[in-house]
């Protein structure tokens, strides 16, 4: 019954066309093809889904822009990240009654800049691997639910478009917050403060909050919600799932990575105790 409902929608409606592209909607070309789907993932998601429905291969451009901008933002945020790490290390040493000489401070600063630069330029590959992993999960879940558009290329488009939030929105937000209020890292679990959130941790977490629970609070944030909305709408439009099925896909993936993060926080707590 759901398939019949989908195929009787207006031909131009997102998700209302048979797999392979909606009749009357042409795949964008030129600048609209290699730039439009990326920015529309934030500004006009429906247009991104229309473009990817007509030509799933356009998701490659989204991934390319993600890699470029994530690297740019990582490099821009590198100095403040380095400053936070250096100041936190000095504060930890002072707490133990030690002080760095100017030579030691310069050596540590140089080493952190070198390591930070390596990770800044490598972050794009990590993000691409994450997109591919999430795309694989979306594809498998959609196929199990009987999605008519359940192909890896379409699942990759959903995952890539949803990932735009990180390099384009979150990285700008993180850079601003870190400059306004640089955190001080005194223990392993404090490292998470280098990645500021807009989540429940801002109002519910305190000094006595267990690390695993603080991670859960951090994972319930505006950016995760935004990501979930894109996964749901993309799953409906491209993979031809029902809205409830799309919500289930997003919830399962969110829960999977949340449990991994919570387990990591527990492991750090045990090692530090």
Protein backbone atom coordinates (compact mmCIF):
# COMPACT_ATOMS: atom_id res chain seq x y z
CA UNK A 1 0.00 0.00 0.00
CA UNK A 2 2.86 2.37 0.81
CA UNK A 3 4.46 1.79 -2.60
CA UNK A 4 1.22 2.63 -4.31
CA UNK A 5 0.88 5.80 -2.27
CA UNK A 6 4.40 6.89 -3.15
CA UNK A 7 3.96 6.38 -6.88
CA UNK A 8 0.73 8.41 -7.01
CA UNK A 9 2.27 11.56 -5.64
CA UNK A 10 2.99 14.55 -7.80
CA UNK A 11 5.95 13.76 -10.06
CA UNK A 12 7.96 16.65 -8.66
CA UNK A 13 7.53 15.67 -5.02
CA UNK A 14 10.66 14.51 -3.26
CA UNK A 15 10.51 10.77 -2.67
CA UNK A 16 7.37 10.45 -4.78
CA UNK A 17 8.98 9.15 -7.94
CA UNK A 18 10.00 5.68 -8.95
CA UNK A 19 13.59 4.75 -8.24
CA UNK A 20 15.88 6.26 -10.86
CA UNK A 21 14.74 9.88 -10.69
CA UNK A 22 11.49 11.79 -10.68
CA UNK A 23 9.87 12.42 -14.07
CA UNK A 24 10.30 16.05 -15.09
CA UNK A 25 13.27 16.61 -12.74
CA UNK A 26 16.62 16.75 -14.47
CA UNK A 27 19.89 16.20 -12.69
CA UNK A 28 21.75 19.49 -12.19
CA UNK A 29 24.86 20.10 -14.23
CA UNK A 30 27.86 22.41 -14.07
CA UNK A 31 28.28 24.49 -10.92
CA UNK A 32 24.81 23.48 -9.74
CA UNK A 33 25.95 19.85 -9.75
CA UNK A 34 29.28 20.13 -7.95
CA UNK A 35 28.30 22.86 -5.50
CA UNK A 36 24.51 22.88 -5.13
CA UNK A 37 23.88 19.53 -3.38
CA UNK A 38 26.47 20.34 -0.72
CA UNK A 39 25.09 23.71 0.40
CA UNK A 40 21.48 22.69 -0.20
CA UNK A 41 21.93 19.95 2.40
CA UNK A 42 21.77 22.81 4.91
CA UNK A 43 19.78 25.47 3.07
CA UNK A 44 17.27 23.39 1.08
CA UNK A 45 17.49 19.63 1.76
CA UNK A 46 14.56 18.85 -0.53
CA UNK A 47 16.55 20.14 -3.50
CA UNK A 48 19.51 17.97 -2.50
CA UNK A 49 17.29 14.88 -2.42
CA UNK A 50 15.81 15.78 -5.82
CA UNK A 51 19.29 16.12 -7.31
CA UNK A 52 20.52 12.87 -5.79
CA UNK A 53 17.34 11.06 -6.77
CA UNK A 54 17.94 12.07 -10.37
CA UNK A 55 21.69 11.34 -10.22
CA UNK A 56 23.01 9.52 -7.11
CA UNK A 57 26.62 9.95 -8.28
CA UNK A 58 26.43 13.63 -7.31
CA UNK A 59 27.02 12.49 -3.73
CA UNK A 60 30.70 12.24 -4.67
CA UNK A 61 30.78 16.05 -4.93
CA UNK A 62 29.22 16.36 -1.50
CA UNK A 63 31.91 14.10 -0.04
CA UNK A 64 34.63 16.06 -1.86
CA UNK A 65 33.44 19.38 -0.43
CA UNK A 66 33.19 17.82 3.03
CA UNK A 67 36.82 16.71 2.82
CA UNK A 68 37.97 20.14 1.63
CA UNK A 69 36.06 22.21 4.18
CA UNK A 70 36.71 19.86 7.09
CA UNK A 71 40.44 20.18 6.40
CA UNK A 72 40.21 23.97 6.11
CA UNK A 73 38.29 24.28 9.38
CA UNK A 74 40.66 21.86 11.16
CA UNK A 75 43.63 23.98 10.08
CA UNK A 76 41.87 27.21 11.12
CA UNK A 77 41.06 25.73 14.55
CA UNK A 78 44.53 24.24 14.99
CA UNK A 79 46.15 27.23 16.77
CA UNK A 80 43.43 27.49 19.44
CA UNK A 81 43.44 23.71 19.92
CA UNK A 82 47.20 23.75 20.33
CA UNK A 83 46.96 26.64 22.80
CA UNK A 84 44.43 24.73 24.89
CA UNK A 85 46.60 21.60 25.00
CA UNK A 86 49.77 23.53 25.92
CA UNK A 87 48.08 25.55 28.66
CA UNK A 88 46.38 22.45 30.06
CA UNK A 89 49.67 20.54 30.17
CA UNK A 90 51.39 23.44 31.98
CA UNK A 91 48.50 23.67 34.47
CA UNK A 92 48.69 19.93 35.16
CA UNK A 93 52.45 20.14 35.76
CA UNK A 94 52.06 23.14 38.06
CA UNK A 95 49.53 21.15 40.04
CA UNK A 96 52.30 18.61 40.64
CA UNK A 97 54.77 21.31 41.64
CA UNK A 98 56.65 21.32 38.33
CA UNK A 99 57.35 24.07 35.83
CA UNK A 100 58.57 24.01 32.24
CA UNK A 101 61.65 25.82 31.10
CA UNK A 102 61.26 28.10 28.04
CA UNK A 103 63.12 25.50 25.96
CA UNK A 104 60.83 22.68 27.10
CA UNK A 105 57.76 24.83 26.44
CA UNK A 106 58.93 25.64 22.92
CA UNK A 107 59.73 21.99 22.23
CA UNK A 108 56.31 20.88 23.42
CA UNK A 109 54.61 23.62 21.39
CA UNK A 110 56.48 22.56 18.25
CA UNK A 111 55.65 18.88 18.81
CA UNK A 112 51.97 19.59 19.37
CA UNK A 113 51.82 21.75 16.25
CA UNK A 114 53.42 18.98 14.19
CA UNK A 115 51.08 16.30 15.52
CA UNK A 116 48.08 18.63 15.27
CA UNK A 117 48.88 19.47 11.66
CA UNK A 118 49.08 15.77 10.81
CA UNK A 119 45.67 15.10 12.35
CA UNK A 120 44.18 18.25 10.83
CA UNK A 121 45.04 17.09 7.32
CA UNK A 122 44.13 13.50 8.12
CA UNK A 123 40.74 14.38 9.61
CA UNK A 124 39.16 14.50 6.16
CA UNK A 125 40.03 10.86 5.52
CA UNK A 126 38.63 9.87 8.91
CA UNK A 127 35.43 11.75 8.14
CA UNK A 128 35.17 10.08 4.73
CA UNK A 129 35.61 6.66 6.35
CA UNK A 130 32.87 7.55 8.82
CA UNK A 131 30.54 8.58 5.99
CA UNK A 132 31.21 5.29 4.21
CA UNK A 133 30.54 3.31 7.39
CA UNK A 134 27.27 5.11 8.06
CA UNK A 135 26.27 4.71 4.41
CA UNK A 136 26.83 0.96 4.71
CA UNK A 137 24.66 0.85 7.83
CA UNK A 138 21.90 2.89 6.16
CA UNK A 139 22.02 0.64 3.10
CA UNK A 140 21.76 -2.58 5.14
CA UNK A 141 18.98 -1.26 7.36
CA UNK A 142 17.01 0.10 4.40
CA UNK A 143 17.36 -3.19 2.53
CA UNK A 144 16.13 -5.12 5.57
CA UNK A 145 13.12 -2.80 5.76
CA UNK A 146 12.32 -3.32 2.08
CA UNK A 147 13.24 0.13 0.79
CA UNK A 148 12.72 0.26 -2.99
CA UNK A 149 15.69 2.57 -3.41
CA UNK A 150 18.02 0.63 -1.12
CA UNK A 151 21.32 0.85 -3.00
CA UNK A 152 24.71 1.78 -1.59
CA UNK A 153 25.06 4.81 -3.88
CA UNK A 154 21.79 6.26 -2.60
CA UNK A 155 22.65 5.41 1.01
CA UNK A 156 26.00 7.14 0.50
CA UNK A 157 24.14 10.22 -0.70
CA UNK A 158 22.05 10.27 2.48
CA UNK A 159 25.10 9.81 4.70
CA UNK A 160 27.14 12.44 2.84
CA UNK A 161 24.41 15.08 2.87
CA UNK A 162 23.77 14.51 6.58
CA UNK A 163 27.51 14.82 7.28
CA UNK A 164 27.59 18.36 5.84
CA UNK A 165 26.53 19.64 9.27
CA UNK A 166 29.96 18.79 10.71
CA UNK A 167 32.38 20.74 8.49
CA UNK A 168 30.06 23.56 7.55
CA UNK A 169 28.19 24.32 10.79
CA UNK A 170 29.71 22.50 13.74
CA UNK A 171 33.35 23.37 13.01
CA UNK A 172 32.50 27.08 12.86
CA UNK A 173 30.57 26.80 16.12
CA UNK A 174 33.39 24.86 17.82
CA UNK A 175 36.00 27.41 16.73
CA UNK A 176 33.96 30.30 18.13
CA UNK A 177 33.26 28.59 21.47
CA UNK A 178 36.86 27.48 21.97
CA UNK A 179 38.05 31.05 21.43
CA UNK A 180 35.42 32.50 23.76
CA UNK A 181 35.94 29.98 26.56
CA UNK A 182 39.08 27.82 26.18
CA UNK A 183 38.66 24.69 28.36
CA UNK A 184 41.36 23.44 30.69
CA UNK A 185 42.12 19.73 30.50
CA UNK A 186 43.31 18.20 33.77
CA UNK A 187 42.18 14.61 33.29
CA UNK A 188 41.58 12.26 30.39
CA UNK A 189 37.82 12.66 30.54
CA UNK A 190 38.18 16.45 30.20
CA UNK A 191 39.41 15.97 26.62
CA UNK A 192 35.80 15.91 25.44
CA UNK A 193 35.52 19.62 26.26
CA UNK A 194 37.70 20.36 23.22
CA UNK A 195 34.63 19.35 21.18
CA UNK A 196 31.91 21.69 22.53
CA UNK A 197 28.30 20.70 22.07
CA UNK A 198 24.84 22.23 22.10
CA UNK A 199 23.45 19.35 24.11
CA UNK A 200 21.95 18.41 27.43
CA UNK A 201 25.41 18.42 29.02
CA UNK A 202 25.22 22.23 29.11
CA UNK A 203 22.36 22.09 31.61
CA UNK A 204 22.49 18.63 33.22
CA UNK A 205 26.19 17.76 33.53
CA UNK A 206 28.21 18.78 36.57
CA UNK A 207 31.52 18.02 38.30
CA UNK A 208 30.11 14.80 39.79
CA UNK A 209 28.45 13.53 36.61
CA UNK A 210 29.88 10.14 35.56
CA UNK A 211 31.85 10.36 32.31
CA UNK A 212 29.59 7.86 30.51
CA UNK A 213 26.48 9.84 31.43
CA UNK A 214 28.07 13.10 30.35
CA UNK A 215 28.82 11.51 26.98
CA UNK A 216 25.15 10.55 26.67
CA UNK A 217 24.13 14.13 27.43
CA UNK A 218 26.61 15.39 24.84
CA UNK A 219 25.21 13.08 22.20
CA UNK A 220 21.71 14.51 22.68
CA UNK A 221 22.42 17.83 21.05
CA UNK A 222 21.24 20.16 18.29
CA UNK A 223 23.78 18.89 15.77
CA UNK A 224 22.82 15.24 16.32
CA UNK A 225 19.15 16.18 15.96
CA UNK A 226 19.89 18.07 12.74
CA UNK A 227 21.85 15.08 11.44
CA UNK A 228 18.96 12.78 12.32
CA UNK A 229 16.41 14.93 10.51
CA UNK A 230 18.53 14.80 7.35
CA UNK A 231 18.95 11.02 7.59
CA UNK A 232 15.22 10.56 8.01
CA UNK A 233 14.22 12.85 5.13
CA UNK A 234 16.94 11.40 2.90
CA UNK A 235 15.90 7.84 3.67
CA UNK A 236 12.33 8.66 2.71
CA UNK A 237 13.29 10.55 -0.45
CA UNK A 238 16.09 8.37 -1.80
CA UNK A 239 15.67 4.93 -0.26
CA UNK A 240 11.87 5.05 -0.48
CA UNK A 241 11.28 4.19 3.16
CA UNK A 242 8.30 5.27 5.21
CA UNK A 243 8.91 8.09 7.67
CA UNK A 244 8.73 5.74 10.64
CA UNK A 245 11.31 3.49 9.02
CA UNK A 246 13.57 6.46 8.38
CA UNK A 247 13.34 7.45 12.05
CA UNK A 248 14.24 3.89 13.01
CA UNK A 249 17.32 3.96 10.75
CA UNK A 250 18.56 7.24 12.23
CA UNK A 251 17.84 6.10 15.80
CA UNK A 252 19.69 2.79 15.40
CA UNK A 253 22.80 4.46 13.95
CA UNK A 254 22.77 7.20 16.61
CA UNK A 255 22.40 4.61 19.38
CA UNK A 256 25.20 2.46 17.94
CA UNK A 257 27.77 5.26 17.98
CA UNK A 258 26.49 6.60 21.31
CA UNK A 259 27.05 3.22 22.97
CA UNK A 260 30.57 3.11 21.54
CA UNK A 261 31.30 6.59 22.93
CA UNK A 262 29.86 5.68 26.33
CA UNK A 263 31.92 2.49 26.44
CA UNK A 264 35.03 4.52 25.65
CA UNK A 265 34.25 6.92 28.50
CA UNK A 266 33.78 3.98 30.89
CA UNK A 267 37.09 2.46 29.79
CA UNK A 268 38.88 5.78 30.37
CA UNK A 269 37.30 6.02 33.79
CA UNK A 270 38.50 2.55 34.76
CA UNK A 271 42.02 3.21 33.47
CA UNK A 272 42.20 6.51 35.31
CA UNK A 273 40.95 5.16 38.62
